[in-house]
Amino acid sequence: MVRVENIVFANGIWRGLATFSKTAPRDAQIYVTFHGDRIDGVTIDAGPSKSEKIIEFPIPSAAIGDGVHTLLIMVDGLPDPVSRCPGATRLPMI
């Protein structure tokens, strides 16, 4: 399981902390999708501990506007988006 917590959303950039359980693939690629397409500009940095990583990505301009838009944080090797995991967080509403 991978749990994601919001750190900050400012100036069109979302930043969060991903915490990997002992059974989660820590070296797997993390990517973000919007309308089924991977978005560019996702960066992954080491977190405060070995089981944590900092995820940062720009929110696509098409996702900022009227309506509800969903971005999925995905981890290769896990069948579901991180957002479906217990304890996961949603991006803040803007």
Protein backbone atom coordinates (compact mmCIF):
# COMPACT_ATOMS: atom_id res chain seq x y z
CA MET A 1 0.00 0.00 0.00
CA VAL A 2 1.10 3.55 -0.71
CA ARG A 3 -0.40 6.43 1.25
CA VAL A 4 -0.24 9.97 -0.13
CA GLU A 5 -0.63 13.11 1.96
CA ASN A 6 -0.97 16.64 0.64
CA ILE A 7 1.88 18.95 1.64
CA VAL A 8 1.01 22.05 -0.36
CA PHE A 9 -0.79 23.19 -3.51
CA ALA A 10 0.37 26.61 -4.67
CA ASN A 11 1.08 28.40 -7.94
CA GLY A 12 -0.24 25.47 -9.97
CA ILE A 13 2.15 22.96 -8.37
CA TRP A 14 0.98 20.10 -6.14
CA ARG A 15 3.43 18.60 -3.65
CA GLY A 16 2.78 15.57 -1.48
CA LEU A 17 4.41 12.91 0.66
CA ALA A 18 4.11 9.26 -0.41
CA THR A 19 4.62 6.68 2.34
CA PHE A 20 5.29 3.11 1.19
CA SER A 21 4.30 0.11 3.31
CA LYS A 22 6.77 -2.74 3.74
CA THR A 23 5.10 -4.68 0.89
CA ALA A 24 4.81 -1.76 -1.57
CA PRO A 25 7.34 -1.61 -4.45
CA ARG A 26 9.45 1.37 -3.30
CA ASP A 27 11.57 1.45 -6.46
CA ALA A 28 8.56 1.37 -8.80
CA GLN A 29 7.90 4.27 -11.12
CA ILE A 30 5.36 6.81 -9.88
CA TYR A 31 3.35 8.70 -12.47
CA VAL A 32 0.27 10.92 -12.60
CA THR A 33 -2.57 10.71 -15.12
CA PHE A 34 -5.22 13.20 -16.23
CA HIS A 35 -7.99 11.93 -18.53
CA GLY A 36 -5.97 8.74 -19.01
CA ASP A 37 -2.81 10.48 -20.20
CA ARG A 38 0.40 10.76 -18.21
CA ILE A 39 1.25 14.33 -17.31
CA ASP A 40 4.74 15.76 -17.76
CA GLY A 41 6.85 17.36 -15.06
CA VAL A 42 6.37 14.83 -12.26
CA THR A 43 9.38 14.85 -9.93
CA ILE A 44 10.13 12.32 -7.21
CA ASP A 45 12.64 13.09 -4.46
CA ALA A 46 13.78 11.25 -1.36
CA GLY A 47 11.55 11.82 1.65
CA PRO A 48 12.35 12.21 5.33
CA SER A 49 12.69 8.43 5.75
CA LYS A 50 13.57 5.43 3.56
CA SER A 51 9.88 4.56 3.18
CA GLU A 52 8.85 8.06 2.03
CA LYS A 53 9.15 10.05 -1.19
CA ILE A 54 8.21 13.61 -2.10
CA ILE A 55 6.02 13.86 -5.22
CA GLU A 56 5.66 17.15 -7.06
CA PHE A 57 3.85 17.93 -10.31
CA PRO A 58 2.22 20.81 -12.16
CA ILE A 59 -1.57 20.74 -12.37
CA PRO A 60 -2.49 20.82 -16.10
CA SER A 61 -4.20 24.08 -17.08
CA ALA A 62 -7.17 22.06 -18.40
CA ALA A 63 -7.73 20.78 -14.84
CA ILE A 64 -8.07 24.29 -13.45
CA GLY A 65 -11.55 25.51 -14.22
CA ASP A 66 -15.22 24.65 -13.97
CA GLY A 67 -16.20 21.17 -12.90
CA VAL A 68 -14.52 18.39 -11.01
CA HIS A 69 -11.27 17.02 -12.40
CA THR A 70 -9.41 13.94 -11.25
CA LEU A 71 -5.68 13.34 -11.36
CA LEU A 72 -4.59 9.82 -10.44
CA ILE A 73 -1.27 9.14 -8.75
CA MET A 74 -0.21 5.69 -9.97
CA VAL A 75 2.56 3.31 -8.91
CA ASP A 76 3.81 0.70 -11.40
CA GLY A 77 3.14 -2.75 -10.04
CA LEU A 78 0.01 -1.74 -8.13
CA PRO A 79 -3.33 -2.33 -9.87
CA ASP A 80 -5.23 0.63 -8.44
CA PRO A 81 -4.53 4.34 -8.22
CA VAL A 82 -2.97 5.46 -4.97
CA SER A 83 -6.15 7.48 -4.38
CA ARG A 84 -8.09 4.24 -3.77
CA CYS A 85 -5.83 3.09 -0.97
CA PRO A 86 -7.06 3.44 2.64
CA GLY A 87 -5.85 6.66 4.20
CA ALA A 88 -5.15 8.32 0.85
CA THR A 89 -5.87 11.98 0.32
CA ARG A 90 -7.60 13.96 -2.38
CA LEU A 91 -6.07 17.04 -3.92
CA PRO A 92 -7.50 20.19 -2.35
CA MET A 93 -10.46 21.78 -4.13
CA ILE A 94 -9.60 25.03 -5.87
